[in-house]
C-alpha atoms as a PDB file:
ATOM      1  CA  MET A   1      13.140  17.887   8.925  1.00  0.00           C
ATOM      2  CA  GLN A   2      13.317  14.209   9.918  1.00  0.00           C
ATOM      3  CA  ARG A   3       9.527  14.210  10.140  1.00  0.00           C
ATOM      4  CA  PHE A   4       9.254  14.975   6.412  1.00  0.00           C
ATOM      5  CA  ALA A   5      12.184  12.873   5.158  1.00  0.00           C
ATOM      6  CA  ASN A   6      11.035   9.358   5.831  1.00  0.00           C
ATOM      7  CA  GLU A   7       9.738   6.539   3.699  1.00  0.00           C
ATOM      8  CA  ARG A   8       6.083   6.948   4.648  1.00  0.00           C
ATOM      9  CA  VAL A   9       5.954  10.629   3.721  1.00  0.00           C
ATOM     10  CA  ILE A  10       7.776  10.046   0.436  1.00  0.00           C
ATOM     11  CA  VAL A  11       5.396   7.220  -0.501  1.00  0.00           C
ATOM     12  CA  GLN A  12       2.367   9.367   0.391  1.00  0.00           C
ATOM     13  CA  LEU A  13       3.729  12.274  -1.664  1.00  0.00           C
ATOM     14  CA  GLY A  14       4.313   9.899  -4.578  1.00  0.00           C
ATOM     15  CA  LEU A  15       0.742   8.615  -4.397  1.00  0.00           C
ATOM     16  CA  LEU A  16      -0.612  12.151  -4.238  1.00  0.00           C
ATOM     17  CA  PHE A  17       1.539  13.312  -7.168  1.00  0.00           C
ATOM     18  CA  LEU A  18       0.487  10.299  -9.256  1.00  0.00           C
ATOM     19  CA  ALA A  19      -3.215  10.901  -8.568  1.00  0.00           C
ATOM     20  CA  VAL A  20      -2.952  14.601  -9.416  1.00  0.00           C
ATOM     21  CA  ALA A  21      -1.014  13.846 -12.621  1.00  0.00           C
ATOM     22  CA  LEU A  22      -3.598  11.274 -13.718  1.00  0.00           C
ATOM     23  CA  TYR A  23      -6.438  13.668 -12.910  1.00  0.00           C
ATOM     24  CA  ALA A  24      -4.763  16.445 -14.897  1.00  0.00           C
ATOM     25  CA  SER A  25      -4.314  14.100 -17.861  1.00  0.00           C
ATOM     26  CA  THR A  26      -8.083  13.528 -18.058  1.00  0.00           C
ATOM     27  CA  PHE A  27      -8.586  17.165 -19.125  1.00  0.00           C
ATOM     28  CA  GLN A  28      -6.442  16.661 -22.226  1.00  0.00           C
ATOM     29  CA  GLN A  29      -8.931  14.128 -23.559  1.00  0.00           C
ATOM     30  CA  SER A  30     -11.564  15.379 -25.962  1.00  0.00           C
ATOM     31  CA  PHE A  31     -14.836  13.573 -26.516  1.00  0.00           C
ATOM     32  CA  SER A  32     -17.952  14.373 -28.481  1.00  0.00           C
ATOM     33  CA  ALA A  33     -20.307  13.985 -25.531  1.00  0.00           C
ATOM     34  CA  SER A  34     -21.763  17.306 -24.460  1.00  0.00           C
ATOM     35  CA  ASP A  35     -22.858  16.106 -21.027  1.00  0.00           C
ATOM     36  CA  LEU A  36     -20.212  15.457 -18.372  1.00  0.00           C
ATOM     37  CA  ALA A  37     -21.945  12.272 -17.229  1.00  0.00           C
ATOM     38  CA  GLN A  38     -21.715  10.867 -20.776  1.00  0.00           C
ATOM     39  CA  SER A  39     -17.960  11.376 -20.971  1.00  0.00           C
ATOM     40  CA  PRO A  40     -15.746   8.285 -20.651  1.00  0.00           C
ATOM     41  CA  MET A  41     -13.699  10.302 -18.128  1.00  0.00           C
ATOM     42  CA  PHE A  42     -16.627  10.796 -15.716  1.00  0.00           C
ATOM     43  CA  PHE A  43     -16.044   7.629 -13.650  1.00  0.00           C
ATOM     44  CA  PRO A  44     -12.213   7.876 -13.625  1.00  0.00           C
ATOM     45  CA  ARG A  45     -12.414  11.496 -12.467  1.00  0.00           C
ATOM     46  CA  ILE A  46     -14.625  10.497  -9.544  1.00  0.00           C
ATOM     47  CA  ILE A  47     -12.206   7.740  -8.544  1.00  0.00           C
ATOM     48  CA  LEU A  48      -9.196  10.041  -8.937  1.00  0.00           C
ATOM     49  CA  THR A  49     -10.893  12.757  -6.865  1.00  0.00           C
ATOM     50  CA  LEU A  50     -11.419  10.223  -4.082  1.00  0.00           C
ATOM     51  CA  TRP A  51      -7.823   9.046  -4.469  1.00  0.00           C
ATOM     52  CA  ILE A  52      -6.532  12.629  -4.157  1.00  0.00           C
ATOM     53  CA  GLY A  53      -8.654  13.221  -1.070  1.00  0.00           C
ATOM     54  CA  LEU A  54      -7.497  10.022   0.601  1.00  0.00           C
ATOM     55  CA  ALA A  55      -3.874  10.751  -0.309  1.00  0.00           C
ATOM     56  CA  VAL A  56      -4.089  14.211   1.285  1.00  0.00           C
ATOM     57  CA  VAL A  57      -5.647  12.780   4.454  1.00  0.00           C
ATOM     58  CA  ALA A  58      -3.035  10.001   4.611  1.00  0.00           C
ATOM     59  CA  LEU A  59      -0.208  12.496   4.062  1.00  0.00           C
ATOM     60  CA  ILE A  60      -1.459  14.774   6.851  1.00  0.00           C
ATOM     61  CA  GLN A  61      -1.873  11.805   9.169  1.00  0.00           C
ATOM     62  CA  THR A  62       1.609  10.528   8.342  1.00  0.00           C
ATOM     63  CA  VAL A  63       3.239  13.913   8.963  1.00  0.00           C
ATOM     64  CA  ARG A  64       1.350  14.432  12.232  1.00  0.00           C
ATOM     65  CA  THR A  65       2.264  11.006  13.621  1.00  0.00           C
ATOM     66  CA  GLN A  66       4.485  11.448  16.661  1.00  0.00           C
ATOM     67  CA  GLU A  67       5.990   7.970  16.664  1.00  0.00           C
ATOM     68  CA  THR A  68       9.677   7.546  16.049  1.00  0.00           C
ATOM     69  CA  GLN A  69      10.244   8.061  12.355  1.00  0.00           C
ATOM     70  CA  SER A  70      12.858   5.831  10.828  1.00  0.00           C
ATOM     71  CA  PRO A  71      14.818   6.900   7.768  1.00  0.00           C
ATOM     72  CA  ILE A  72      14.184   5.298   4.401  1.00  0.00           C
ATOM     73  CA  ALA A  73      15.031   1.643   4.846  1.00  0.00           C
ATOM     74  CA  SER A  74      15.653   0.626   1.281  1.00  0.00           C
ATOM     75  CA  TRP A  75      16.188   2.941  -1.662  1.00  0.00           C
ATOM     76  CA  PRO A  76      16.678  -0.048  -4.007  1.00  0.00           C
ATOM     77  CA  ARG A  77      13.245  -1.388  -3.016  1.00  0.00           C
ATOM     78  CA  ILE A  78      11.628   1.950  -3.843  1.00  0.00           C
ATOM     79  CA  GLY A  79      13.571   2.061  -7.118  1.00  0.00           C
ATOM     80  CA  ILE A  80      12.422  -1.444  -8.086  1.00  0.00           C
ATOM     81  CA  VAL A  81       8.785  -0.565  -7.461  1.00  0.00           C
ATOM     82  CA  ILE A  82       9.028   2.731  -9.371  1.00  0.00           C
ATOM     83  CA  VAL A  83      10.688   1.097 -12.382  1.00  0.00           C
ATOM     84  CA  ALA A  84       8.171  -1.770 -12.301  1.00  0.00           C
ATOM     85  CA  ALA A  85       5.278   0.719 -12.140  1.00  0.00           C
ATOM     86  CA  LEU A  86       6.629   2.724 -15.079  1.00  0.00           C
ATOM     87  CA  ILE A  87       7.071  -0.389 -17.201  1.00  0.00           C
ATOM     88  CA  TYR A  88       3.668  -1.704 -16.116  1.00  0.00           C
ATOM     89  CA  THR A  89       1.809   1.459 -17.088  1.00  0.00           C
ATOM     90  CA  ASN A  90       3.511   1.544 -20.487  1.00  0.00           C
ATOM     91  CA  VAL A  91       2.970  -2.151 -21.283  1.00  0.00           C
ATOM     92  CA  ILE A  92      -0.631  -2.491 -20.091  1.00  0.00           C
ATOM     93  CA  GLY A  93      -2.080  -0.875 -23.216  1.00  0.00           C
ATOM     94  CA  SER A  94      -0.379  -3.211 -25.671  1.00  0.00           C
ATOM     95  CA  GLU A  95      -0.236  -6.460 -23.686  1.00  0.00           C
ATOM     96  CA  GLY A  96      -3.566  -6.235 -21.893  1.00  0.00           C
ATOM     97  CA  PHE A  97      -4.362  -5.901 -18.222  1.00  0.00           C
ATOM     98  CA  PHE A  98      -4.020  -9.423 -16.873  1.00  0.00           C
ATOM     99  CA  LEU A  99      -0.511 -10.545 -17.882  1.00  0.00           C
ATOM    100  CA  PRO A 100       1.313  -7.294 -16.962  1.00  0.00           C
ATOM    101  CA  SER A 101      -0.627  -7.167 -13.675  1.00  0.00           C
ATOM    102  CA  VAL A 102       0.499 -10.676 -12.755  1.00  0.00           C
ATOM    103  CA  VAL A 103       4.132  -9.822 -13.527  1.00  0.00           C
ATOM    104  CA  PHE A 104       3.834  -6.507 -11.651  1.00  0.00           C
ATOM    105  CA  ALA A 105       2.490  -8.290  -8.568  1.00  0.00           C
ATOM    106  CA  LEU A 106       5.215 -10.947  -8.800  1.00  0.00           C
ATOM    107  CA  ILE A 107       7.832  -8.174  -8.727  1.00  0.00           C
ATOM    108  CA  CYS A 108       6.275  -5.815  -6.174  1.00  0.00           C
ATOM    109  CA  LEU A 109       5.032  -8.227  -3.541  1.00  0.00           C
ATOM    110  CA  PRO A 110       8.514  -9.599  -2.767  1.00  0.00           C
ATOM    111  CA  ALA A 111       9.890  -6.047  -2.905  1.00  0.00           C
ATOM    112  CA  PHE A 112       7.406  -5.109  -0.157  1.00  0.00           C
ATOM    113  CA  GLY A 113       8.452  -8.072   1.960  1.00  0.00           C
ATOM    114  CA  VAL A 114       5.854 -10.723   1.126  1.00  0.00           C
ATOM    115  CA  ARG A 115       8.053 -13.811   0.982  1.00  0.00           C
ATOM    116  CA  ASN A 116       5.576 -16.704   1.012  1.00  0.00           C
ATOM    117  CA  PRO A 117       5.700 -18.023  -2.591  1.00  0.00           C
ATOM    118  CA  LEU A 118       2.224 -19.542  -2.399  1.00  0.00           C
ATOM    119  CA  LEU A 119       0.699 -16.284  -1.151  1.00  0.00           C
ATOM    120  CA  VAL A 120       2.523 -14.259  -3.822  1.00  0.00           C
ATOM    121  CA  ALA A 121       1.403 -16.595  -6.624  1.00  0.00           C
ATOM    122  CA  VAL A 122      -2.209 -16.763  -5.452  1.00  0.00           C
ATOM    123  CA  PHE A 123      -2.448 -12.998  -4.981  1.00  0.00           C
ATOM    124  CA  ALA A 124      -0.711 -12.263  -8.301  1.00  0.00           C
ATOM    125  CA  ILE A 125      -3.155 -14.434 -10.236  1.00  0.00           C
ATOM    126  CA  LEU A 126      -6.438 -14.087  -8.343  1.00  0.00           C
ATOM    127  CA  VAL A 127      -6.566 -10.310  -7.903  1.00  0.00           C
ATOM    128  CA  PRO A 128      -5.975  -9.395 -11.575  1.00  0.00           C
ATOM    129  CA  GLY A 129      -8.191 -12.322 -12.590  1.00  0.00           C
ATOM    130  CA  ALA A 130     -11.004 -11.097 -10.355  1.00  0.00           C
ATOM    131  CA  LEU A 131     -10.669  -7.572 -11.761  1.00  0.00           C
ATOM    132  CA  VAL A 132     -10.761  -8.856 -15.348  1.00  0.00           C
ATOM    133  CA  PHE A 133     -13.841 -10.929 -14.553  1.00  0.00           C
ATOM    134  CA  LEU A 134     -15.517  -8.016 -12.788  1.00  0.00           C
ATOM    135  CA  PHE A 135     -14.833  -5.343 -15.396  1.00  0.00           C
ATOM    136  CA  ASN A 136     -14.726  -7.268 -18.681  1.00  0.00           C
ATOM    137  CA  HIS A 137     -17.341  -9.931 -18.068  1.00  0.00           C
ATOM    138  CA  THR A 138     -19.670  -8.545 -15.384  1.00  0.00           C
ATOM    139  CA  LEU A 139     -19.765  -4.744 -15.646  1.00  0.00           C
ATOM    140  CA  GLY A 140     -19.144  -4.534 -19.385  1.00  0.00           C
ATOM    141  CA  MET A 141     -16.396  -1.931 -18.863  1.00  0.00           C
ATOM    142  CA  PRO A 142     -13.545  -3.639 -20.703  1.00  0.00           C
ATOM    143  CA  LEU A 143      -9.998  -3.462 -19.485  1.00  0.00           C
ATOM    144  CA  PRO A 144      -7.267  -3.699 -22.111  1.00  0.00           C
ATOM    145  CA  THR A 145      -7.105  -7.246 -23.445  1.00  0.00           C
ATOM    146  CA  SER A 146      -4.134  -9.323 -24.438  1.00  0.00           C
ATOM    147  CA  ARG A 147      -3.228  -9.866 -28.033  1.00  0.00           C
ATOM    148  CA  PHE A 148      -3.107 -13.589 -27.262  1.00  0.00           C
ATOM    149  CA  THR A 149      -6.736 -14.017 -26.208  1.00  0.00           C
ATOM    150  CA  TYR A 150      -9.788 -11.869 -25.590  1.00  0.00           C
ATOM    151  CA  PHE A 151     -10.532 -13.625 -22.266  1.00  0.00           C
ATOM    152  CA  PHE A 152      -7.800 -11.636 -20.511  1.00  0.00           C
END
C-alpha cells in the first residue's frame, strides 16, 4: 500500500484526472463546423490526448519504481498549489492569461522549493510573456487578454 500512497503517485493521479476531465469537457462544446479539423477543439484535444498518454506512462513508471518511497512530505504545500490552481483557472478568463500566470508562478515556485528570488521573478515573468508573444502575436491563436491592455 505504501507504494501507492506517496506524493509522486498522488501528483501523477491528479495530473491524469485533470487531463481526463479537461478532455471530457471538450465534448460538451458545440460548434457549427461539420469537419473535426475545423473545430476549435481539434488542437486542444490532440494536446490533451498526449497529456493523458504521458500521464499514464508517468503513473506506471512511478508505481513500478523500486526506490524507497517516502510518505507525503507536505500536505500544506499540495493544498497551496491546488487552491492556487483552482483560483488561477477561474480568474484567467476574466483577467487575461499573463497577469494570473505571473501570480500563479510566484505562488507555486516557492511552494515547490524554488527559493532564489531572482530565478522566481525571471521565470514568473518570462515564461508567461513568451507564451503570450508566441500565441497572441506570432501564431495568431489568442490567449485571454487582460482588461487593462490588449498586449497581455
